Amino acid sequence: MLLNGRFSVNGRRVVVLAAAGLLAMALLVAGCGSDSDTGTASDEAPVALTKPEFVKQANQICAQGLKEKDKAVAASLKESAQAGGPPTSKDIEKMVEEAVLPAYGKTIDQLGQLGAPKGDEAKVEKMVGQFEAAMKTAEADPVKATKKNVFVAADEAAEDYGLGACNL
């Protein structure tokens, strides 16, 4: 505060505290930037696995994903049966959208996060890409995806790589 052209003691304290606060905020904001030397787990490439490790983990991921899908489908069918009569095409579309695709999406995401074995990065990337493409196709037309398995090429690529449990 100004008293007769001078800062009072309380006024100086306010100015000093305000300056310190601004400095602290500036340091905090500067610290929030991205530093390429320090990455988060999602920024870093997954650790490369050996092929047997990759196959084992991928098969476990796929088996778990299929169990989750089967459980969700069974619950959906039970719900449909309680409504009376066989499932309608709307029921099937809902089941695919709410039970099948989320389980498959989670499985595909987890496969994509596994560290591909050295030398097999391109094969694994292509296989995961095929699963992702099939997923987009199924999401675009869930009913049509029930009539024609859009995952055939991805399933074959997975099987060729040694993933027997990855038939989505």
Protein backbone atom coordinates (compact mmCIF):
# COMPACT_ATOMS: atom_id res chain seq x y z
CA MET A 1 0.00 0.00 0.00
CA LEU A 2 1.08 3.51 -0.64
CA LEU A 3 1.21 5.88 2.29
CA ASN A 4 2.53 9.31 1.52
CA GLY A 5 4.34 8.05 -1.61
CA ARG A 6 6.01 5.11 0.18
CA PHE A 7 5.17 1.40 0.47
CA SER A 8 4.13 0.35 3.88
CA VAL A 9 5.61 -2.74 5.45
CA ASN A 10 2.46 -4.72 4.63
CA GLY A 11 2.54 -3.42 1.07
CA ARG A 12 6.08 -4.67 0.57
CA ARG A 13 5.10 -8.04 1.90
CA VAL A 14 2.22 -8.22 -0.58
CA VAL A 15 4.48 -7.24 -3.49
CA VAL A 16 7.14 -9.76 -2.46
CA LEU A 17 4.55 -12.52 -2.00
CA ALA A 18 2.92 -11.68 -5.34
CA ALA A 19 6.32 -11.78 -7.09
CA ALA A 20 7.17 -15.08 -5.40
CA GLY A 21 3.79 -16.48 -6.43
CA LEU A 22 4.31 -15.44 -10.05
CA LEU A 23 7.77 -16.98 -10.05
CA ALA A 24 6.43 -20.23 -8.60
CA MET A 25 3.66 -20.34 -11.23
CA ALA A 26 6.16 -19.69 -14.01
CA LEU A 27 8.34 -22.55 -12.78
CA LEU A 28 5.34 -24.84 -12.49
CA VAL A 29 4.15 -24.04 -16.01
CA ALA A 30 7.66 -24.49 -17.39
CA GLY A 31 7.84 -27.88 -15.70
CA CYS A 32 4.65 -29.04 -17.41
CA GLY A 33 6.20 -29.14 -20.86
CA SER A 34 7.23 -32.26 -22.69
CA ASP A 35 10.77 -33.46 -22.37
CA SER A 36 11.83 -35.94 -25.03
CA ASP A 37 14.37 -37.49 -22.67
CA THR A 38 11.73 -38.55 -20.20
CA GLY A 39 8.91 -40.61 -21.64
CA THR A 40 5.96 -42.20 -20.03
CA ALA A 41 5.28 -45.88 -20.34
CA SER A 42 2.84 -45.21 -23.19
CA ASP A 43 5.48 -43.21 -25.09
CA GLU A 44 8.11 -45.91 -24.94
CA ALA A 45 8.29 -48.86 -27.26
CA PRO A 46 7.48 -52.16 -25.58
CA VAL A 47 10.39 -54.39 -24.68
CA ALA A 48 11.05 -56.95 -27.40
CA LEU A 49 10.10 -60.45 -26.37
CA THR A 50 11.54 -63.67 -27.65
CA LYS A 51 9.26 -65.43 -30.11
CA PRO A 52 8.26 -68.14 -27.59
CA GLU A 53 7.47 -65.44 -24.99
CA PHE A 54 5.50 -63.44 -27.53
CA VAL A 55 3.52 -66.48 -28.70
CA LYS A 56 2.76 -67.52 -25.11
CA GLN A 57 1.63 -64.04 -24.03
CA ALA A 58 -0.33 -63.39 -27.22
CA ASN A 59 -2.14 -66.72 -26.94
CA GLN A 60 -3.01 -65.91 -23.31
CA ILE A 61 -4.32 -62.49 -24.34
CA CYS A 62 -6.43 -64.00 -27.11
CA ALA A 63 -7.77 -66.82 -24.94
CA GLN A 64 -8.77 -64.34 -22.23
CA GLY A 65 -10.36 -62.04 -24.81
CA LEU A 66 -12.37 -64.89 -26.27
CA LYS A 67 -13.55 -65.92 -22.78
CA GLU A 68 -14.67 -62.34 -22.11
CA LYS A 69 -16.45 -62.23 -25.46
CA ASP A 70 -18.19 -65.57 -24.83
CA LYS A 71 -19.31 -64.43 -21.38
CA ALA A 72 -20.68 -61.15 -22.77
CA VAL A 73 -22.44 -62.93 -25.65
CA ALA A 74 -24.01 -65.45 -23.26
CA ALA A 75 -25.31 -62.60 -21.09
CA SER A 76 -26.67 -60.83 -24.15
CA LEU A 77 -28.39 -63.99 -25.42
CA LYS A 78 -29.89 -64.58 -21.98
CA GLU A 79 -31.24 -61.04 -21.95
CA SER A 80 -32.69 -61.53 -25.43
CA ALA A 81 -34.29 -64.84 -24.43
CA GLN A 82 -35.94 -63.20 -21.42
CA ALA A 83 -37.53 -60.72 -23.80
CA GLY A 84 -39.12 -63.70 -25.56
CA GLY A 85 -38.45 -65.30 -28.90
CA PRO A 86 -35.29 -65.65 -30.93
CA PRO A 87 -32.91 -62.70 -31.19
CA THR A 88 -33.85 -60.17 -33.85
CA SER A 89 -31.33 -58.58 -36.20
CA LYS A 90 -31.42 -55.54 -33.86
CA ASP A 91 -30.57 -57.84 -30.93
CA ILE A 92 -27.70 -59.35 -32.88
CA GLU A 93 -26.39 -55.95 -33.90
CA LYS A 94 -26.56 -54.80 -30.27
CA MET A 95 -24.80 -57.98 -29.12
CA VAL A 96 -22.00 -57.50 -31.64
CA GLU A 97 -21.59 -53.83 -30.72
CA GLU A 98 -21.78 -54.30 -26.95
CA ALA A 99 -20.31 -57.76 -26.40
CA VAL A 100 -18.15 -58.91 -29.27
CA LEU A 101 -16.44 -55.76 -30.54
CA PRO A 102 -15.36 -54.40 -27.14
CA ALA A 103 -13.76 -57.75 -26.23
CA TYR A 104 -12.04 -57.96 -29.61
CA GLY A 105 -10.91 -54.34 -29.40
CA LYS A 106 -9.34 -54.91 -26.00
CA THR A 107 -7.62 -58.06 -27.28
CA ILE A 108 -6.25 -56.27 -30.35
CA ASP A 109 -5.00 -53.35 -28.24
CA GLN A 110 -3.19 -55.72 -25.90
CA LEU A 111 -1.61 -57.58 -28.82
CA GLY A 112 -0.40 -54.27 -30.21
CA GLN A 113 1.27 -53.46 -26.89
CA LEU A 114 3.34 -56.63 -26.80
CA GLY A 115 6.96 -56.24 -27.75
CA ALA A 116 7.47 -57.95 -31.09
CA PRO A 117 10.46 -60.29 -31.29
CA LYS A 118 13.54 -58.77 -32.91
CA GLY A 119 13.44 -59.39 -36.63
CA ASP A 120 9.69 -60.09 -36.58
CA GLU A 121 8.52 -56.52 -36.00
CA ALA A 122 7.12 -56.16 -39.53
CA LYS A 123 5.26 -59.49 -39.36
CA VAL A 124 3.71 -58.66 -36.01
CA GLU A 125 2.85 -55.11 -37.07
CA LYS A 126 1.18 -56.45 -40.23
CA MET A 127 -0.78 -59.04 -38.25
CA VAL A 128 -1.99 -56.48 -35.70
CA GLY A 129 -2.81 -54.13 -38.57
CA GLN A 130 -4.96 -56.83 -40.15
CA PHE A 131 -6.82 -57.28 -36.87
CA GLU A 132 -7.33 -53.50 -36.61
CA ALA A 133 -8.60 -53.28 -40.21
CA ALA A 134 -11.01 -56.16 -39.61
CA MET A 135 -12.20 -54.44 -36.45
CA LYS A 136 -12.96 -51.22 -38.38
CA THR A 137 -14.91 -53.23 -40.94
CA ALA A 138 -16.92 -54.96 -38.20
CA GLU A 139 -17.60 -51.67 -36.44
CA ALA A 140 -18.82 -50.12 -39.68
CA ASP A 141 -21.42 -52.87 -40.26
CA PRO A 142 -21.87 -55.18 -37.27
CA VAL A 143 -24.72 -57.17 -38.80
CA LYS A 144 -22.80 -57.87 -42.00
CA ALA A 145 -19.84 -58.96 -39.86
CA THR A 146 -22.01 -61.69 -38.36
CA LYS A 147 -22.65 -63.12 -41.82
CA LYS A 148 -19.07 -63.02 -43.06
CA ASN A 149 -16.05 -63.35 -40.78
CA VAL A 150 -14.04 -60.21 -41.48
CA PHE A 151 -11.22 -61.51 -39.26
CA VAL A 152 -10.25 -64.43 -41.54
CA ALA A 153 -7.05 -62.87 -42.96
CA ALA A 154 -5.92 -61.68 -39.53
CA ASP A 155 -6.72 -65.06 -37.97
CA GLU A 156 -4.68 -66.81 -40.69
CA ALA A 157 -1.74 -64.44 -40.17
CA ALA A 158 -1.89 -65.11 -36.42
CA GLU A 159 -2.04 -68.86 -36.96
CA ASP A 160 0.88 -68.73 -39.40
CA TYR A 161 2.87 -66.91 -36.71
CA GLY A 162 2.05 -69.62 -34.17
CA LEU A 163 -0.87 -68.01 -32.37
CA GLY A 164 -3.36 -70.85 -32.27
CA ALA A 165 -5.64 -69.11 -29.74
CA CYS A 166 -6.05 -65.93 -31.80
CA ASN A 167 -8.99 -66.80 -34.00
CA LEU A 168 -11.34 -63.88 -33.50
